[in-house]
C-alpha atoms as a PDB file:
ATOM      1  CA  MET A   1       0.000   0.000   0.000  1.00  0.00           C
ATOM      2  CA  ASN A   2       1.423   3.399  -0.878  1.00  0.00           C
ATOM      3  CA  ASN A   3       1.302   6.547   1.281  1.00  0.00           C
ATOM      4  CA  SER A   4      -1.510   8.180  -0.688  1.00  0.00           C
ATOM      5  CA  GLN A   5      -3.778   5.169  -0.004  1.00  0.00           C
ATOM      6  CA  GLU A   6      -2.930   5.273   3.717  1.00  0.00           C
ATOM      7  CA  ILE A   7      -3.641   8.976   3.977  1.00  0.00           C
ATOM      8  CA  SER A   8      -6.882   8.633   2.040  1.00  0.00           C
ATOM      9  CA  ARG A   9      -8.064   5.775   4.232  1.00  0.00           C
ATOM     10  CA  ARG A  10      -7.039   7.600   7.403  1.00  0.00           C
ATOM     11  CA  ASN A  11      -9.002  10.668   6.352  1.00  0.00           C
ATOM     12  CA  LEU A  12     -12.005   8.582   5.376  1.00  0.00           C
ATOM     13  CA  LEU A  13     -12.155   6.844   8.734  1.00  0.00           C
ATOM     14  CA  ARG A  14     -11.390  10.047  10.649  1.00  0.00           C
ATOM     15  CA  GLY A  15     -14.302  11.735   8.867  1.00  0.00           C
ATOM     16  CA  ALA A  16     -16.599   8.890   9.853  1.00  0.00           C
ATOM     17  CA  GLY A  17     -15.925   9.377  13.535  1.00  0.00           C
ATOM     18  CA  VAL A  18     -13.876   6.311  14.453  1.00  0.00           C
ATOM     19  CA  VAL A  19     -14.282   4.995  17.957  1.00  0.00           C
ATOM     20  CA  GLY A  20     -11.754   2.487  19.262  1.00  0.00           C
ATOM     21  CA  ALA A  21     -12.774   0.250  22.125  1.00  0.00           C
ATOM     22  CA  GLY A  22     -10.457  -2.377  23.463  1.00  0.00           C
ATOM     23  CA  VAL A  23     -12.482  -3.093  26.584  1.00  0.00           C
ATOM     24  CA  ALA A  24     -15.819  -4.729  27.185  1.00  0.00           C
ATOM     25  CA  PHE A  25     -18.570  -2.234  26.412  1.00  0.00           C
ATOM     26  CA  SER A  26     -20.652  -3.143  29.450  1.00  0.00           C
ATOM     27  CA  SER A  27     -18.352  -1.216  31.770  1.00  0.00           C
ATOM     28  CA  LEU A  28     -18.250   1.934  29.643  1.00  0.00           C
ATOM     29  CA  LEU A  29     -21.765   3.189  29.788  1.00  0.00           C
ATOM     30  CA  SER A  30     -24.177   4.759  32.179  1.00  0.00           C
ATOM     31  CA  THR A  31     -27.431   6.468  31.365  1.00  0.00           C
ATOM     32  CA  ASN A  32     -30.519   7.131  33.446  1.00  0.00           C
ATOM     33  CA  SER A  33     -33.203   6.761  30.816  1.00  0.00           C
ATOM     34  CA  LEU A  34     -33.753   3.826  28.504  1.00  0.00           C
ATOM     35  CA  ALA A  35     -36.424   3.471  25.882  1.00  0.00           C
ATOM     36  CA  ALA A  36     -38.477   0.300  25.848  1.00  0.00           C
ATOM     37  CA  THR A  37     -37.900   0.063  22.115  1.00  0.00           C
ATOM     38  CA  ILE A  38     -35.029   0.873  19.827  1.00  0.00           C
ATOM     39  CA  GLU A  39     -36.291   2.283  16.557  1.00  0.00           C
ATOM     40  CA  ASN A  40     -34.406   2.423  13.300  1.00  0.00           C
ATOM     41  CA  PRO A  41     -32.312   5.603  13.683  1.00  0.00           C
ATOM     42  CA  ARG A  42     -32.123   6.192   9.918  1.00  0.00           C
ATOM     43  CA  PRO A  43     -35.634   5.855   8.560  1.00  0.00           C
ATOM     44  CA  TYR A  44     -35.578   6.227   4.805  1.00  0.00           C
ATOM     45  CA  GLY A  45     -31.793   6.643   4.907  1.00  0.00           C
ATOM     46  CA  ALA A  46     -31.785   9.945   6.834  1.00  0.00           C
ATOM     47  CA  ARG A  47     -28.300  11.038   7.832  1.00  0.00           C
ATOM     48  CA  ILE A  48     -27.332  11.171  11.497  1.00  0.00           C
ATOM     49  CA  THR A  49     -24.183  12.519  13.140  1.00  0.00           C
ATOM     50  CA  PRO A  50     -21.457  10.292  14.607  1.00  0.00           C
ATOM     51  CA  GLU A  51     -22.498  11.579  18.043  1.00  0.00           C
ATOM     52  CA  GLN A  52     -26.096  10.519  17.472  1.00  0.00           C
ATOM     53  CA  ALA A  53     -24.948   7.110  16.214  1.00  0.00           C
ATOM     54  CA  LEU A  54     -22.789   6.592  19.295  1.00  0.00           C
ATOM     55  CA  SER A  55     -25.705   7.625  21.500  1.00  0.00           C
ATOM     56  CA  TYR A  56     -27.905   4.900  19.961  1.00  0.00           C
ATOM     57  CA  LEU A  57     -25.195   2.300  20.548  1.00  0.00           C
ATOM     58  CA  LYS A  58     -24.687   3.430  24.142  1.00  0.00           C
ATOM     59  CA  LYS A  59     -28.412   3.311  24.862  1.00  0.00           C
ATOM     60  CA  GLY A  60     -28.729  -0.209  23.489  1.00  0.00           C
ATOM     61  CA  ASN A  61     -25.597  -1.421  25.255  1.00  0.00           C
ATOM     62  CA  THR A  62     -26.630   0.080  28.574  1.00  0.00           C
ATOM     63  CA  ALA A  63     -29.871  -1.881  28.403  1.00  0.00           C
ATOM     64  CA  TYR A  64     -27.982  -5.051  27.436  1.00  0.00           C
ATOM     65  CA  SER A  65     -25.413  -4.689  30.234  1.00  0.00           C
ATOM     66  CA  ARG A  66     -28.239  -4.192  32.758  1.00  0.00           C
ATOM     67  CA  GLY A  67     -30.064  -7.284  31.526  1.00  0.00           C
ATOM     68  CA  ILE A  68     -32.952  -5.295  30.020  1.00  0.00           C
ATOM     69  CA  ARG A  69     -34.398  -6.943  26.917  1.00  0.00           C
ATOM     70  CA  LEU A  70     -35.338  -4.272  24.416  1.00  0.00           C
ATOM     71  CA  GLN A  71     -38.314  -4.640  22.131  1.00  0.00           C
ATOM     72  CA  LYS A  72     -36.653  -4.406  18.727  1.00  0.00           C
ATOM     73  CA  ASN A  73     -38.502  -2.970  15.784  1.00  0.00           C
ATOM     74  CA  TYR A  74     -38.056  -5.608  13.077  1.00  0.00           C
ATOM     75  CA  VAL A  75     -40.217  -3.695  10.608  1.00  0.00           C
ATOM     76  CA  PRO A  76     -37.770  -1.877   8.359  1.00  0.00           C
ATOM     77  CA  ALA A  77     -38.255   1.791   7.585  1.00  0.00           C
ATOM     78  CA  ARG A  78     -38.353   0.660   3.964  1.00  0.00           C
ATOM     79  CA  PRO A  79     -38.210  -2.794   2.377  1.00  0.00           C
ATOM     80  CA  PHE A  80     -34.865  -4.576   2.646  1.00  0.00           C
ATOM     81  CA  THR A  81     -34.982  -4.946  -1.134  1.00  0.00           C
ATOM     82  CA  ASP A  82     -34.561  -1.152  -1.388  1.00  0.00           C
ATOM     83  CA  GLY A  83     -30.999  -1.427  -0.061  1.00  0.00           C
ATOM     84  CA  GLN A  84     -29.114  -0.938   3.174  1.00  0.00           C
ATOM     85  CA  TRP A  85     -29.027   2.020   5.526  1.00  0.00           C
ATOM     86  CA  PRO A  86     -26.835   1.098   8.524  1.00  0.00           C
ATOM     87  CA  PHE A  87     -25.997   4.035  10.779  1.00  0.00           C
ATOM     88  CA  ALA A  88     -22.767   2.459  12.092  1.00  0.00           C
ATOM     89  CA  ALA A  89     -20.108   0.034  10.915  1.00  0.00           C
ATOM     90  CA  ILE A  90     -18.682  -2.374  13.475  1.00  0.00           C
ATOM     91  CA  LEU A  91     -15.357  -4.220  13.210  1.00  0.00           C
ATOM     92  CA  GLY A  92     -15.503  -7.069  15.684  1.00  0.00           C
ATOM     93  CA  CYS A  93     -14.173 -10.492  16.483  1.00  0.00           C
ATOM     94  CA  ALA A  94     -15.801 -13.560  14.964  1.00  0.00           C
ATOM     95  CA  ASP A  95     -16.227 -14.994  18.487  1.00  0.00           C
ATOM     96  CA  SER A  96     -19.685 -16.573  18.570  1.00  0.00           C
ATOM     97  CA  ARG A  97     -20.356 -15.163  22.053  1.00  0.00           C
ATOM     98  CA  VAL A  98     -20.101 -11.544  20.897  1.00  0.00           C
ATOM     99  CA  GLN A  99     -23.042 -10.547  18.676  1.00  0.00           C
ATOM    100  CA  PRO A 100     -22.938  -6.790  17.921  1.00  0.00           C
ATOM    101  CA  ASP A 101     -26.661  -6.590  17.101  1.00  0.00           C
ATOM    102  CA  GLU A 102     -27.454  -8.055  20.517  1.00  0.00           C
ATOM    103  CA  ILE A 103     -24.994  -6.153  22.696  1.00  0.00           C
ATOM    104  CA  PHE A 104     -26.123  -2.881  21.118  1.00  0.00           C
ATOM    105  CA  GLY A 105     -29.827  -3.818  21.084  1.00  0.00           C
ATOM    106  CA  MET A 106     -30.206  -3.269  17.348  1.00  0.00           C
ATOM    107  CA  ALA A 107     -32.608  -4.828  14.881  1.00  0.00           C
ATOM    108  CA  PRO A 108     -31.517  -5.877  11.367  1.00  0.00           C
ATOM    109  CA  ALA A 109     -30.341  -3.200   8.915  1.00  0.00           C
ATOM    110  CA  ASN A 110     -28.988  -0.829  11.589  1.00  0.00           C
ATOM    111  CA  LEU A 111     -25.387  -2.063  11.750  1.00  0.00           C
ATOM    112  CA  PHE A 112     -22.898  -3.009   9.036  1.00  0.00           C
ATOM    113  CA  VAL A 113     -20.848  -5.686  10.787  1.00  0.00           C
ATOM    114  CA  VAL A 114     -17.438  -6.931   9.666  1.00  0.00           C
ATOM    115  CA  ARG A 115     -16.137  -9.831  11.745  1.00  0.00           C
ATOM    116  CA  ASN A 116     -13.041 -12.001  11.686  1.00  0.00           C
ATOM    117  CA  ALA A 117     -10.901 -13.862  14.207  1.00  0.00           C
ATOM    118  CA  GLY A 118      -9.163 -11.296  16.368  1.00  0.00           C
ATOM    119  CA  ASN A 119     -10.865  -8.344  14.593  1.00  0.00           C
ATOM    120  CA  VAL A 120      -7.733  -7.944  12.444  1.00  0.00           C
ATOM    121  CA  THR A 121      -7.730  -5.187   9.844  1.00  0.00           C
ATOM    122  CA  ASP A 122      -6.375  -6.009   6.401  1.00  0.00           C
ATOM    123  CA  ASP A 123      -7.152  -4.564   2.968  1.00  0.00           C
ATOM    124  CA  ASP A 124     -10.337  -6.631   2.622  1.00  0.00           C
ATOM    125  CA  VAL A 125     -11.695  -5.570   6.015  1.00  0.00           C
ATOM    126  CA  LEU A 126     -10.720  -1.950   5.456  1.00  0.00           C
ATOM    127  CA  GLY A 127     -12.399  -2.060   2.037  1.00  0.00           C
ATOM    128  CA  SER A 128     -15.626  -3.288   3.671  1.00  0.00           C
ATOM    129  CA  LEU A 129     -15.514  -0.482   6.250  1.00  0.00           C
ATOM    130  CA  GLU A 130     -14.825   2.048   3.494  1.00  0.00           C
ATOM    131  CA  TYR A 131     -17.858   0.692   1.633  1.00  0.00           C
ATOM    132  CA  ALA A 132     -20.046   1.227   4.711  1.00  0.00           C
ATOM    133  CA  VAL A 133     -18.888   4.829   5.065  1.00  0.00           C
ATOM    134  CA  GLU A 134     -18.671   5.824   1.404  1.00  0.00           C
ATOM    135  CA  HIS A 135     -21.613   3.991  -0.154  1.00  0.00           C
ATOM    136  CA  LEU A 136     -23.977   3.279   2.740  1.00  0.00           C
ATOM    137  CA  SER A 137     -23.395   6.586   4.569  1.00  0.00           C
ATOM    138  CA  SER A 138     -22.616   4.993   7.927  1.00  0.00           C
ATOM    139  CA  SER A 139     -21.595   7.881  10.139  1.00  0.00           C
ATOM    140  CA  LEU A 140     -19.652   5.928  12.779  1.00  0.00           C
ATOM    141  CA  VAL A 141     -17.026   3.171  12.694  1.00  0.00           C
ATOM    142  CA  VAL A 142     -16.507   1.177  15.892  1.00  0.00           C
ATOM    143  CA  VAL A 143     -13.533  -1.123  16.398  1.00  0.00           C
ATOM    144  CA  MET A 144     -14.862  -3.426  19.078  1.00  0.00           C
ATOM    145  CA  GLY A 145     -12.655  -5.485  21.352  1.00  0.00           C
ATOM    146  CA  HIS A 146     -13.652  -7.899  24.091  1.00  0.00           C
ATOM    147  CA  SER A 147     -12.155  -9.939  26.866  1.00  0.00           C
ATOM    148  CA  SER A 148     -12.919 -13.298  28.475  1.00  0.00           C
END
């Protein structure tokens, strides 16, 4: 990879609002109010800010870490055949115990998830994350680690 590709990719991910997390998410969050349902944050592909995207993830994870089962809205804002509209891209480990949709309380079509053993980033993984940001307008990229 040449320097111009590295700089371009760095700028792309920086513009998306990259969040690195090498610890279990359950210990990160505290919020006093939780909704009983998590709605699709991007109905009809509306854009949201990285801060709003992170807020949705925190709300869902706070409920999960407290053992609160959220009522997920499985009715898409528009038919799945119309395309994808994930608000965040998640790079996570392929570990079967760590399901991003569950730990963030999200229904289908909200997250673009890229998983492999050890959540290692190579050109293929980076290309998938770039696709989520560039073509699907995901406003947040989360690199998710876990322990135990």
